[in-house]
Amino acid sequence: MKKYCYPFLFGLLFSFSCTEDGDPAMDMEVADPMENLVWLQEMAENLSEGNMSEYSYIKQATYKGQTVFFPFNCCPHCNTALILYDYNGNAIQGEDFVLNDLKNQKLIWQPTNSICNLN
């Protein structure tokens, strides 16, 4: 009986010590997403080169427990659709998003010529 008990206990202990890595986006609270995500750098570069760059910005937020990123603007005459992106730069599809649904919003980029007051 003892010879079966030790492998069982070892396996049980091993199964609790192995955890699946969490969502890599959770690491974004520690790391600088603008520094570490190439696709986000490219998005910022494209926004800064646009003809309305002074209205553009990128925020990070939490949506349904997942870290998301979204470009937006403070243009007073624009009707803008909110598009959320996951850690890998994939657009999150199939839902209508409302800014109030996004928790822990944090500004992570705006151009030097920004006229947005985001405080």
N, C-alpha and C. Protein backbone atom coordinates (compact mmCIF):
# COMPACT_ATOMS: atom_id res chain seq x y z
N MET A 1 0.82 -1.19 0.00
CA MET A 1 0.00 0.00 0.00
C MET A 1 0.87 1.26 0.00
N LYS A 2 1.98 1.24 0.80
CA LYS A 2 2.85 2.41 0.87
C LYS A 2 3.47 2.73 -0.48
N LYS A 3 3.79 1.69 -1.25
CA LYS A 3 4.45 1.94 -2.53
C LYS A 3 3.52 2.66 -3.51
N TYR A 4 2.22 2.59 -3.31
CA TYR A 4 1.27 3.32 -4.15
C TYR A 4 0.96 4.71 -3.58
N CYS A 5 1.15 4.84 -2.30
CA CYS A 5 0.82 6.10 -1.62
C CYS A 5 1.79 7.21 -2.02
N TYR A 6 3.08 6.93 -2.05
CA TYR A 6 4.08 7.96 -2.34
C TYR A 6 3.94 8.52 -3.76
N PRO A 7 3.81 7.68 -4.78
CA PRO A 7 3.62 8.25 -6.13
C PRO A 7 2.33 9.07 -6.22
N PHE A 8 1.29 8.61 -5.55
CA PHE A 8 0.04 9.34 -5.57
C PHE A 8 0.21 10.72 -4.93
N LEU A 9 0.85 10.77 -3.77
CA LEU A 9 1.07 12.05 -3.08
C LEU A 9 1.98 12.97 -3.89
N PHE A 10 3.00 12.39 -4.50
CA PHE A 10 3.89 13.18 -5.33
C PHE A 10 3.12 13.78 -6.52
N GLY A 11 2.32 12.97 -7.15
CA GLY A 11 1.51 13.45 -8.28
C GLY A 11 0.53 14.52 -7.86
N LEU A 12 -0.07 14.34 -6.70
CA LEU A 12 -1.02 15.31 -6.18
C LEU A 12 -0.32 16.64 -5.90
N LEU A 13 0.84 16.56 -5.25
CA LEU A 13 1.61 17.76 -4.96
C LEU A 13 2.05 18.45 -6.24
N PHE A 14 2.50 17.69 -7.20
CA PHE A 14 2.95 18.23 -8.47
C PHE A 14 1.81 18.92 -9.21
N SER A 15 0.62 18.34 -9.16
CA SER A 15 -0.51 18.93 -9.89
C SER A 15 -0.92 20.28 -9.30
N PHE A 16 -0.74 20.48 -8.01
CA PHE A 16 -1.07 21.76 -7.41
C PHE A 16 0.03 22.79 -7.63
N SER A 17 1.25 22.34 -7.82
CA SER A 17 2.34 23.28 -8.01
C SER A 17 2.40 23.79 -9.44
N CYS A 18 1.81 23.08 -10.37
CA CYS A 18 1.81 23.50 -11.76
C CYS A 18 0.58 24.35 -12.03
N THR A 19 0.81 25.58 -12.36
CA THR A 19 -0.31 26.43 -12.73
C THR A 19 -0.10 26.91 -14.14
N GLU A 20 -1.18 27.07 -14.82
CA GLU A 20 -1.11 27.57 -16.17
C GLU A 20 -0.80 29.05 -16.09
N ASP A 21 0.07 29.53 -16.98
CA ASP A 21 0.37 30.95 -16.97
C ASP A 21 -0.90 31.72 -17.21
N GLY A 22 -1.06 32.78 -16.46
CA GLY A 22 -2.24 33.62 -16.60
C GLY A 22 -2.19 34.41 -17.90
N ASP A 23 -3.17 35.22 -18.06
CA ASP A 23 -3.24 36.09 -19.22
C ASP A 23 -2.00 36.96 -19.24
N PRO A 24 -1.20 36.93 -20.32
CA PRO A 24 0.01 37.74 -20.35
C PRO A 24 -0.29 39.22 -20.21
N ALA A 25 -1.51 39.62 -20.50
CA ALA A 25 -1.86 41.03 -20.37
C ALA A 25 -1.83 41.48 -18.92
N MET A 26 -1.98 40.56 -17.99
CA MET A 26 -1.92 40.94 -16.58
C MET A 26 -0.53 41.46 -16.23
N ASP A 27 0.48 41.04 -16.97
CA ASP A 27 1.83 41.54 -16.75
C ASP A 27 1.97 42.99 -17.18
N MET A 28 0.98 43.47 -17.91
CA MET A 28 1.04 44.83 -18.41
C MET A 28 0.96 45.85 -17.29
N GLU A 29 0.46 45.46 -16.14
CA GLU A 29 0.41 46.37 -15.02
C GLU A 29 1.83 46.69 -14.55
N VAL A 30 2.76 45.78 -14.81
CA VAL A 30 4.13 45.96 -14.38
C VAL A 30 4.97 46.52 -15.52
N ALA A 31 4.84 45.93 -16.67
CA ALA A 31 5.64 46.33 -17.83
C ALA A 31 4.99 47.51 -18.55
N ASP A 32 5.78 48.20 -19.34
CA ASP A 32 5.30 49.32 -20.13
C ASP A 32 4.79 48.81 -21.47
N PRO A 33 3.48 48.80 -21.69
CA PRO A 33 2.96 48.23 -22.94
C PRO A 33 3.44 48.99 -24.17
N MET A 34 3.63 50.29 -24.06
CA MET A 34 4.11 51.04 -25.22
C MET A 34 5.56 50.70 -25.55
N GLU A 35 6.27 50.22 -24.60
CA GLU A 35 7.66 49.83 -24.82
C GLU A 35 7.76 48.38 -25.29
N ASN A 36 6.84 47.53 -24.84
CA ASN A 36 6.97 46.10 -25.06
C ASN A 36 6.09 45.50 -26.15
N LEU A 37 5.11 46.22 -26.62
CA LEU A 37 4.22 45.68 -27.65
C LEU A 37 4.42 46.42 -28.97
N VAL A 38 5.03 45.74 -29.92
CA VAL A 38 5.37 46.35 -31.21
C VAL A 38 4.11 46.84 -31.93
N TRP A 39 3.05 46.04 -31.90
CA TRP A 39 1.83 46.45 -32.61
C TRP A 39 1.25 47.72 -32.01
N LEU A 40 1.42 47.93 -30.71
CA LEU A 40 0.92 49.14 -30.05
C LEU A 40 1.79 50.35 -30.44
N GLN A 41 3.07 50.13 -30.57
CA GLN A 41 3.98 51.19 -31.05
C GLN A 41 3.60 51.60 -32.47
N GLU A 42 3.29 50.62 -33.31
CA GLU A 42 2.90 50.92 -34.69
C GLU A 42 1.57 51.68 -34.74
N MET A 43 0.65 51.31 -33.86
CA MET A 43 -0.63 52.01 -33.80
C MET A 43 -0.40 53.47 -33.42
N ALA A 44 0.43 53.70 -32.42
CA ALA A 44 0.73 55.07 -31.98
C ALA A 44 1.40 55.86 -33.09
N GLU A 45 2.31 55.23 -33.80
CA GLU A 45 2.99 55.89 -34.91
C GLU A 45 2.00 56.29 -36.00
N ASN A 46 1.08 55.39 -36.33
CA ASN A 46 0.06 55.69 -37.34
C ASN A 46 -0.85 56.82 -36.88
N LEU A 47 -1.24 56.81 -35.62
CA LEU A 47 -2.09 57.87 -35.10
C LEU A 47 -1.38 59.21 -35.10
N SER A 48 -0.10 59.21 -34.77
CA SER A 48 0.65 60.47 -34.71
C SER A 48 0.90 61.06 -36.09
N GLU A 49 0.84 60.23 -37.12
CA GLU A 49 1.05 60.70 -38.48
C GLU A 49 -0.25 61.10 -39.17
N GLY A 50 -1.38 60.83 -38.53
CA GLY A 50 -2.68 61.14 -39.13
C GLY A 50 -2.97 62.62 -39.13
N ASN A 51 -3.96 63.02 -39.94
CA ASN A 51 -4.27 64.44 -40.06
C ASN A 51 -5.02 64.99 -38.85
N MET A 52 -5.41 64.12 -37.92
CA MET A 52 -6.07 64.57 -36.70
C MET A 52 -5.32 64.05 -35.48
N SER A 53 -4.02 64.01 -35.58
CA SER A 53 -3.21 63.42 -34.51
C SER A 53 -3.38 64.13 -33.18
N GLU A 54 -3.64 65.42 -33.20
CA GLU A 54 -3.77 66.16 -31.95
C GLU A 54 -4.96 65.73 -31.10
N TYR A 55 -5.89 65.00 -31.71
CA TYR A 55 -7.06 64.50 -30.99
C TYR A 55 -6.91 63.04 -30.52
N SER A 56 -5.87 62.38 -30.94
CA SER A 56 -5.72 60.94 -30.71
C SER A 56 -5.06 60.60 -29.38
N TYR A 57 -5.38 59.43 -28.88
CA TYR A 57 -4.71 58.87 -27.71
C TYR A 57 -5.00 57.37 -27.63
N ILE A 58 -4.24 56.67 -26.80
CA ILE A 58 -4.44 55.24 -26.57
C ILE A 58 -4.54 55.02 -25.07
N LYS A 59 -5.52 54.22 -24.69
CA LYS A 59 -5.70 53.88 -23.29
C LYS A 59 -5.64 52.37 -23.09
N GLN A 60 -5.35 51.99 -21.87
CA GLN A 60 -5.39 50.60 -21.42
C GLN A 60 -6.51 50.52 -20.40
N ALA A 61 -7.25 49.41 -20.39
CA ALA A 61 -8.34 49.25 -19.44
C ALA A 61 -8.56 47.77 -19.17
N THR A 62 -9.52 47.49 -18.31
CA THR A 62 -9.93 46.13 -18.03
C THR A 62 -11.36 45.96 -18.50
N TYR A 63 -11.59 44.92 -19.29
CA TYR A 63 -12.92 44.61 -19.78
C TYR A 63 -13.20 43.13 -19.53
N LYS A 64 -14.18 42.86 -18.73
CA LYS A 64 -14.53 41.48 -18.36
C LYS A 64 -13.31 40.71 -17.86
N GLY A 65 -12.50 41.35 -17.03
CA GLY A 65 -11.34 40.70 -16.43
C GLY A 65 -10.12 40.61 -17.33
N GLN A 66 -10.21 41.13 -18.53
CA GLN A 66 -9.11 41.04 -19.50
C GLN A 66 -8.55 42.43 -19.74
N THR A 67 -7.23 42.54 -19.80
CA THR A 67 -6.60 43.81 -20.13
C THR A 67 -6.78 44.06 -21.62
N VAL A 68 -7.26 45.26 -21.94
CA VAL A 68 -7.49 45.64 -23.33
C VAL A 68 -6.85 46.99 -23.59
N PHE A 69 -6.68 47.29 -24.86
CA PHE A 69 -6.12 48.56 -25.29
C PHE A 69 -7.07 49.14 -26.33
N PHE A 70 -7.21 50.46 -26.33
CA PHE A 70 -8.07 51.05 -27.34
C PHE A 70 -7.61 52.45 -27.73
N PRO A 71 -7.57 52.68 -29.04
CA PRO A 71 -7.29 54.03 -29.51
C PRO A 71 -8.60 54.80 -29.48
N PHE A 72 -8.50 56.06 -29.16
CA PHE A 72 -9.71 56.88 -29.14
C PHE A 72 -9.30 58.31 -29.44
N ASN A 73 -10.25 59.23 -29.37
CA ASN A 73 -9.95 60.62 -29.66
C ASN A 73 -10.87 61.55 -28.87
N CYS A 74 -10.48 62.78 -28.79
CA CYS A 74 -11.29 63.80 -28.12
C CYS A 74 -11.84 64.80 -29.13
N CYS A 75 -11.95 64.38 -30.36
CA CYS A 75 -12.45 65.24 -31.43
C CYS A 75 -13.91 65.62 -31.14
N PRO A 76 -14.21 66.91 -31.05
CA PRO A 76 -15.56 67.34 -30.71
C PRO A 76 -16.57 67.14 -31.85
N HIS A 77 -16.09 66.92 -33.06
CA HIS A 77 -16.98 66.79 -34.22
C HIS A 77 -16.97 65.40 -34.84
N CYS A 78 -16.37 64.46 -34.15
CA CYS A 78 -16.22 63.10 -34.70
C CYS A 78 -17.17 62.13 -34.01
N ASN A 79 -17.65 61.20 -34.77
CA ASN A 79 -18.43 60.09 -34.24
C ASN A 79 -17.55 58.86 -34.39
N THR A 80 -16.98 58.40 -33.29
CA THR A 80 -15.96 57.36 -33.33
C THR A 80 -16.46 56.05 -32.74
N ALA A 81 -16.18 54.95 -33.42
CA ALA A 81 -16.50 53.62 -32.90
C ALA A 81 -15.37 53.18 -31.97
N LEU A 82 -15.75 52.57 -30.87
CA LEU A 82 -14.78 52.06 -29.91
C LEU A 82 -14.38 50.65 -30.30
N ILE A 83 -13.09 50.44 -30.55
CA ILE A 83 -12.56 49.13 -30.90
C ILE A 83 -11.54 48.73 -29.84
N LEU A 84 -11.76 47.58 -29.24
CA LEU A 84 -10.85 47.08 -28.21
C LEU A 84 -9.90 46.06 -28.82
N TYR A 85 -8.67 46.05 -28.31
CA TYR A 85 -7.66 45.10 -28.76
C TYR A 85 -7.13 44.34 -27.56
N ASP A 86 -6.87 43.05 -27.76
CA ASP A 86 -6.29 42.24 -26.69
C ASP A 86 -4.77 42.42 -26.69
N TYR A 87 -4.11 41.70 -25.80
CA TYR A 87 -2.66 41.78 -25.62
C TYR A 87 -1.90 41.53 -26.92
N ASN A 88 -2.43 40.67 -27.79
CA ASN A 88 -1.75 40.32 -29.04
C ASN A 88 -2.08 41.25 -30.19
N GLY A 89 -2.93 42.23 -29.94
CA GLY A 89 -3.29 43.18 -31.00
C GLY A 89 -4.49 42.74 -31.82
N ASN A 90 -5.19 41.72 -31.37
CA ASN A 90 -6.39 41.25 -32.07
C ASN A 90 -7.59 42.06 -31.62
N ALA A 91 -8.37 42.53 -32.58
CA ALA A 91 -9.59 43.27 -32.25
C ALA A 91 -10.58 42.31 -31.60
N ILE A 92 -11.22 42.75 -30.55
CA ILE A 92 -12.24 41.95 -29.88
C ILE A 92 -13.55 42.21 -30.61
N GLN A 93 -14.10 41.16 -31.17
CA GLN A 93 -15.26 41.27 -32.06
C GLN A 93 -16.56 40.88 -31.38
N GLY A 94 -17.64 41.27 -31.99
CA GLY A 94 -18.95 40.75 -31.63
C GLY A 94 -19.70 41.46 -30.53
N GLU A 95 -19.19 42.57 -30.04
CA GLU A 95 -19.89 43.27 -28.97
C GLU A 95 -19.87 44.76 -29.24
N ASP A 96 -20.87 45.45 -28.74
CA ASP A 96 -20.86 46.90 -28.76
C ASP A 96 -20.30 47.35 -27.42
N PHE A 97 -19.22 48.10 -27.48
CA PHE A 97 -18.54 48.50 -26.26
C PHE A 97 -18.95 49.91 -25.88
N VAL A 98 -19.02 50.14 -24.58
CA VAL A 98 -19.32 51.45 -24.04
C VAL A 98 -18.18 51.81 -23.11
N LEU A 99 -17.74 53.06 -23.16
CA LEU A 99 -16.61 53.47 -22.32
C LEU A 99 -16.84 53.17 -20.85
N ASN A 100 -18.08 53.24 -20.38
CA ASN A 100 -18.37 52.95 -18.97
C ASN A 100 -18.14 51.50 -18.60
N ASP A 101 -18.10 50.60 -19.60
CA ASP A 101 -17.84 49.17 -19.34
C ASP A 101 -16.36 48.90 -19.09
N LEU A 102 -15.53 49.86 -19.40
CA LEU A 102 -14.08 49.69 -19.29
C LEU A 102 -13.60 50.21 -17.94
N LYS A 103 -13.08 49.31 -17.15
CA LYS A 103 -12.62 49.65 -15.80
C LYS A 103 -11.13 49.92 -15.79
N ASN A 104 -10.67 50.66 -14.79
CA ASN A 104 -9.24 50.94 -14.59
C ASN A 104 -8.59 51.56 -15.82
N GLN A 105 -9.28 52.49 -16.46
CA GLN A 105 -8.72 53.13 -17.64
C GLN A 105 -7.47 53.91 -17.29
N LYS A 106 -6.47 53.76 -18.16
CA LYS A 106 -5.19 54.42 -17.94
C LYS A 106 -4.65 54.89 -19.28
N LEU A 107 -4.31 56.16 -19.36
CA LEU A 107 -3.71 56.72 -20.56
C LEU A 107 -2.31 56.17 -20.71
N ILE A 108 -2.01 55.59 -21.88
CA ILE A 108 -0.67 55.06 -22.08
C ILE A 108 0.08 55.76 -23.22
N TRP A 109 -0.65 56.54 -24.04
CA TRP A 109 0.02 57.28 -25.10
C TRP A 109 -0.85 58.42 -25.58
N GLN A 110 -0.21 59.54 -25.86
CA GLN A 110 -0.82 60.62 -26.60
C GLN A 110 0.31 61.38 -27.28
N PRO A 111 0.04 61.98 -28.43
CA PRO A 111 1.11 62.66 -29.17
C PRO A 111 1.54 63.95 -28.47
N THR A 112 2.70 64.42 -28.82
CA THR A 112 3.21 65.65 -28.22
C THR A 112 2.34 66.85 -28.56
N ASN A 113 1.65 66.82 -29.67
CA ASN A 113 0.79 67.93 -30.08
C ASN A 113 -0.66 67.76 -29.61
N SER A 114 -0.89 66.92 -28.63
CA SER A 114 -2.23 66.62 -28.16
C SER A 114 -2.93 67.86 -27.58
N ILE A 115 -4.22 67.98 -27.90
CA ILE A 115 -5.04 69.04 -27.30
C ILE A 115 -6.09 68.45 -26.38
N CYS A 116 -6.04 67.13 -26.16
CA CYS A 116 -6.99 66.45 -25.30
C CYS A 116 -6.67 66.71 -23.83
N ASN A 117 -7.67 67.03 -23.06
CA ASN A 117 -7.53 67.19 -21.63
C ASN A 117 -8.07 65.92 -20.99
N LEU A 118 -7.20 64.98 -20.65
CA LEU A 118 -7.61 63.66 -20.19
C LEU A 118 -7.46 63.47 -18.69
N ASN A 119 -7.41 64.52 -17.94
CA ASN A 119 -7.27 64.40 -16.48
C ASN A 119 -8.59 64.17 -15.82
